[in-house]
Protein backbone atom coordinates (compact mmCIF):
# COMPACT_ATOMS: atom_id res chain seq x y z
CA MET A 1 39.55 -45.38 -63.79
CA ASN A 2 42.30 -44.48 -61.34
CA LEU A 3 41.24 -45.03 -57.75
CA ILE A 4 43.19 -44.34 -54.56
CA MET A 5 42.21 -46.20 -51.41
CA PHE A 6 43.21 -44.59 -48.14
CA GLY A 7 42.92 -46.16 -44.75
CA PRO A 8 45.23 -47.16 -41.96
CA PRO A 9 46.69 -50.64 -41.67
CA GLY A 10 43.95 -53.12 -40.82
CA ALA A 11 41.12 -50.92 -42.14
CA GLY A 12 40.19 -53.39 -44.87
CA LYS A 13 41.75 -51.76 -47.94
CA GLY A 14 43.23 -55.05 -49.13
CA THR A 15 39.96 -56.93 -48.71
CA GLN A 16 38.02 -54.29 -50.64
CA ALA A 17 40.69 -53.93 -53.32
CA LYS A 18 40.65 -57.71 -53.88
CA ARG A 19 36.88 -57.55 -54.34
CA LEU A 20 37.25 -54.80 -56.96
CA VAL A 21 39.99 -56.73 -58.75
CA GLU A 22 37.84 -59.87 -58.93
CA GLY A 23 34.50 -58.20 -59.57
CA ARG A 24 35.39 -55.29 -61.80
CA GLY A 25 38.70 -56.15 -63.45
CA PHE A 26 40.78 -53.51 -61.71
CA VAL A 27 44.51 -53.96 -61.14
CA GLN A 28 45.75 -53.30 -57.61
CA LEU A 29 49.04 -51.45 -57.45
CA SER A 30 50.46 -52.06 -53.99
CA THR A 31 53.82 -50.35 -53.61
CA GLY A 32 55.12 -53.08 -51.30
CA ASP A 33 54.14 -55.81 -53.76
CA MET A 34 55.63 -53.89 -56.69
CA LEU A 35 58.94 -53.36 -54.87
CA ARG A 36 59.22 -57.05 -53.94
CA ALA A 37 58.34 -58.13 -57.50
CA ALA A 38 60.83 -55.70 -59.06
CA ARG A 39 63.56 -56.93 -56.75
CA ALA A 40 62.81 -60.56 -57.61
CA SER A 41 62.69 -59.86 -61.36
CA GLY A 42 66.41 -59.16 -61.68
CA SER A 43 65.63 -56.40 -64.21
CA GLU A 44 67.71 -53.23 -64.30
CA LEU A 45 65.01 -51.45 -62.30
CA GLY A 46 64.80 -54.42 -59.94
CA GLN A 47 68.54 -54.27 -59.34
CA ARG A 48 68.26 -50.58 -58.45
CA VAL A 49 65.39 -51.36 -56.06
CA ALA A 50 67.40 -54.18 -54.45
CA ALA A 51 70.43 -51.94 -53.96
CA VAL A 52 68.35 -49.30 -52.20
CA MET A 53 66.50 -51.84 -50.06
CA ASP A 54 69.73 -53.66 -49.17
CA SER A 55 71.29 -50.40 -48.00
CA GLY A 56 68.39 -49.93 -45.59
CA SER A 57 67.27 -46.74 -47.30
CA LEU A 58 63.79 -45.87 -48.46
CA VAL A 59 63.10 -46.32 -52.15
CA SER A 60 62.78 -42.88 -53.76
CA ASP A 61 59.51 -41.48 -55.04
CA GLU A 62 61.04 -41.45 -58.53
CA ILE A 63 61.63 -45.21 -58.45
CA VAL A 64 58.11 -45.88 -57.16
CA ILE A 65 56.67 -43.70 -59.94
CA GLU A 66 58.79 -45.65 -62.43
CA LEU A 67 57.36 -48.92 -61.05
CA ILE A 68 53.82 -47.57 -61.35
CA ASP A 69 54.49 -46.40 -64.91
CA ASP A 70 55.81 -49.88 -65.74
CA GLN A 71 52.65 -51.53 -64.34
CA ILE A 72 50.37 -49.18 -66.27
CA THR A 73 52.28 -50.04 -69.45
CA LYS A 74 52.03 -53.79 -68.74
CA ASN A 75 48.25 -53.64 -68.17
CA PRO A 76 46.70 -51.83 -71.12
CA GLY A 77 42.94 -51.78 -71.41
CA VAL A 78 42.13 -52.78 -67.83
CA ALA A 79 39.04 -51.37 -66.13
CA GLY A 80 41.16 -49.35 -63.76
CA PHE A 81 43.95 -49.17 -61.23
CA ILE A 82 43.69 -49.13 -57.46
CA TYR A 83 46.58 -47.32 -55.80
CA ASP A 84 47.23 -48.92 -52.42
CA GLY A 85 49.98 -47.49 -50.23
CA PHE A 86 50.75 -44.67 -52.63
CA PRO A 87 50.67 -41.74 -52.52
CA ARG A 88 51.53 -41.16 -48.87
CA THR A 89 52.70 -37.56 -49.13
CA THR A 90 51.71 -34.49 -51.10
CA ALA A 91 54.96 -34.70 -53.10
CA GLN A 92 54.06 -38.26 -54.10
CA ALA A 93 50.53 -37.16 -55.05
CA VAL A 94 51.96 -34.43 -57.28
CA ALA A 95 54.35 -36.94 -58.89
CA LEU A 96 51.51 -39.40 -59.51
CA ASP A 97 49.41 -36.61 -61.05
CA GLY A 98 52.32 -35.79 -63.37
CA LEU A 99 52.74 -39.41 -64.45
CA LEU A 100 49.04 -39.84 -65.13
CA ALA A 101 48.81 -36.49 -66.97
CA SER A 102 51.66 -37.59 -69.26
CA ARG A 103 49.42 -40.53 -70.22
CA GLY A 104 46.27 -38.42 -70.61
CA GLN A 105 44.85 -39.80 -67.35
CA ARG A 106 44.05 -38.53 -63.87
CA ILE A 107 42.95 -39.70 -60.45
CA ASP A 108 39.20 -40.21 -60.71
CA LEU A 109 38.26 -41.03 -57.13
CA VAL A 110 39.80 -41.26 -53.68
CA ILE A 111 38.07 -43.48 -51.15
CA ARG A 112 38.97 -43.07 -47.51
CA LEU A 113 38.01 -45.88 -45.17
CA VAL A 114 37.23 -43.97 -41.97
CA VAL A 115 37.88 -46.01 -38.86
CA ASP A 116 37.98 -45.48 -35.13
CA ASP A 117 41.63 -45.83 -34.11
CA GLU A 118 40.83 -47.36 -30.70
CA GLU A 119 38.42 -49.92 -32.17
CA LEU A 120 40.90 -50.72 -34.91
CA LEU A 121 43.66 -51.28 -32.34
CA ALA A 122 41.36 -53.61 -30.40
CA ARG A 123 40.58 -55.52 -33.62
CA ILE A 124 44.27 -55.82 -34.51
CA THR A 125 45.21 -56.87 -30.97
CA LYS A 126 42.59 -59.63 -31.04
CA ARG A 127 43.77 -60.79 -34.47
CA PHE A 128 47.36 -60.82 -33.18
CA GLU A 129 46.36 -62.89 -30.16
CA ASP A 130 44.22 -65.29 -32.24
CA GLN A 131 46.44 -65.65 -35.32
CA GLY A 132 49.88 -64.49 -34.18
CA ARG A 133 50.43 -62.41 -37.33
CA SER A 134 53.70 -60.52 -36.82
CA ASP A 135 52.44 -57.49 -38.76
CA ASP A 136 49.60 -57.22 -36.22
CA ASN A 137 51.89 -56.73 -33.22
CA PRO A 138 50.02 -54.03 -31.24
CA GLU A 139 53.15 -51.99 -30.47
CA THR A 140 54.23 -51.96 -34.09
CA PHE A 141 50.68 -51.29 -35.21
CA VAL A 142 50.44 -48.16 -33.02
CA LYS A 143 53.56 -46.79 -34.75
CA ARG A 144 52.22 -47.65 -38.20
CA LEU A 145 48.88 -46.04 -37.35
CA ALA A 146 50.58 -42.85 -36.13
CA ALA A 147 52.70 -42.70 -39.30
CA TYR A 148 49.60 -43.18 -41.46
CA ASN A 149 47.71 -40.42 -39.63
CA THR A 150 50.66 -38.03 -39.83
CA GLN A 151 51.58 -38.67 -43.46
CA THR A 152 48.13 -39.00 -44.95
CA ALA A 153 46.39 -36.09 -43.24
CA PRO A 154 47.76 -33.49 -45.70
CA LEU A 155 46.46 -35.53 -48.64
CA LEU A 156 42.84 -35.39 -47.53
CA PRO A 157 42.41 -31.68 -48.37
CA PHE A 158 44.63 -32.13 -51.44
CA TYR A 159 42.03 -34.47 -52.93
CA GLY A 160 39.01 -33.09 -51.07
CA ASP A 161 39.52 -29.62 -52.58
CA ARG A 162 39.31 -31.25 -56.01
CA GLY A 163 36.03 -32.96 -55.15
CA LEU A 164 37.58 -36.43 -55.47
CA LEU A 165 37.40 -37.61 -51.85
CA ARG A 166 34.63 -39.95 -50.69
CA GLU A 167 34.55 -41.18 -47.12
CA VAL A 168 33.26 -44.65 -46.30
CA ASP A 169 32.57 -46.01 -42.82
CA GLY A 170 35.35 -48.56 -42.54
CA MET A 171 33.88 -49.90 -39.29
CA ALA A 172 30.77 -51.18 -41.09
CA SER A 173 30.46 -54.82 -42.08
CA MET A 174 32.53 -56.00 -45.06
CA ASP A 175 29.37 -56.02 -47.17
CA GLY A 176 28.40 -52.57 -45.92
CA VAL A 177 31.81 -51.16 -46.83
CA ALA A 178 31.62 -52.86 -50.23
CA ALA A 179 28.18 -51.36 -50.91
CA ALA A 180 29.37 -47.88 -49.94
CA ILE A 181 32.40 -48.21 -52.22
CA ASP A 182 30.18 -49.39 -55.08
CA ALA A 183 27.92 -46.36 -54.50
CA ALA A 184 30.93 -44.04 -54.60
CA LEU A 185 32.11 -45.65 -57.85
CA ALA A 186 28.65 -45.24 -59.37
CA GLY A 187 28.99 -41.54 -58.76
């Protein structure tokens, strides 16, 4: 199964993905994690990633697709993959579709964690004040949230028109979100 999880920063994607990894044997493919691991590996691909990152540029869609392809190859026979942080644009979604089609696969389900932006900002602000996590800085978070809403909006009809999009109330309790995701996976 190939599953995409959409939701803004702080919506709980990572928490729910971890649960699916532990409980169902999925592999989470986080673009940020893959880029850092490739860079640290020293491989030819990792050296290309490092050069791009060191220049301050964004890593190309082609390189990210190559990283995803590498992870699929390294994890044969797993229950499924959770795409976290990719795709972010329609062009990336088309590229991912092409990669999966070349392997006889497809995206099976897209879960969108629907959250209230104002409540989410309040949650992140409190977490920043309580824990001091730099990635929870409210000013930075507002920018990240705006980028998510701008970039991801075109993907909702892209997957919705295919009947793949399921919306889950991301403001529910962790267990409530988990139950709704399980129901979506059950079909």
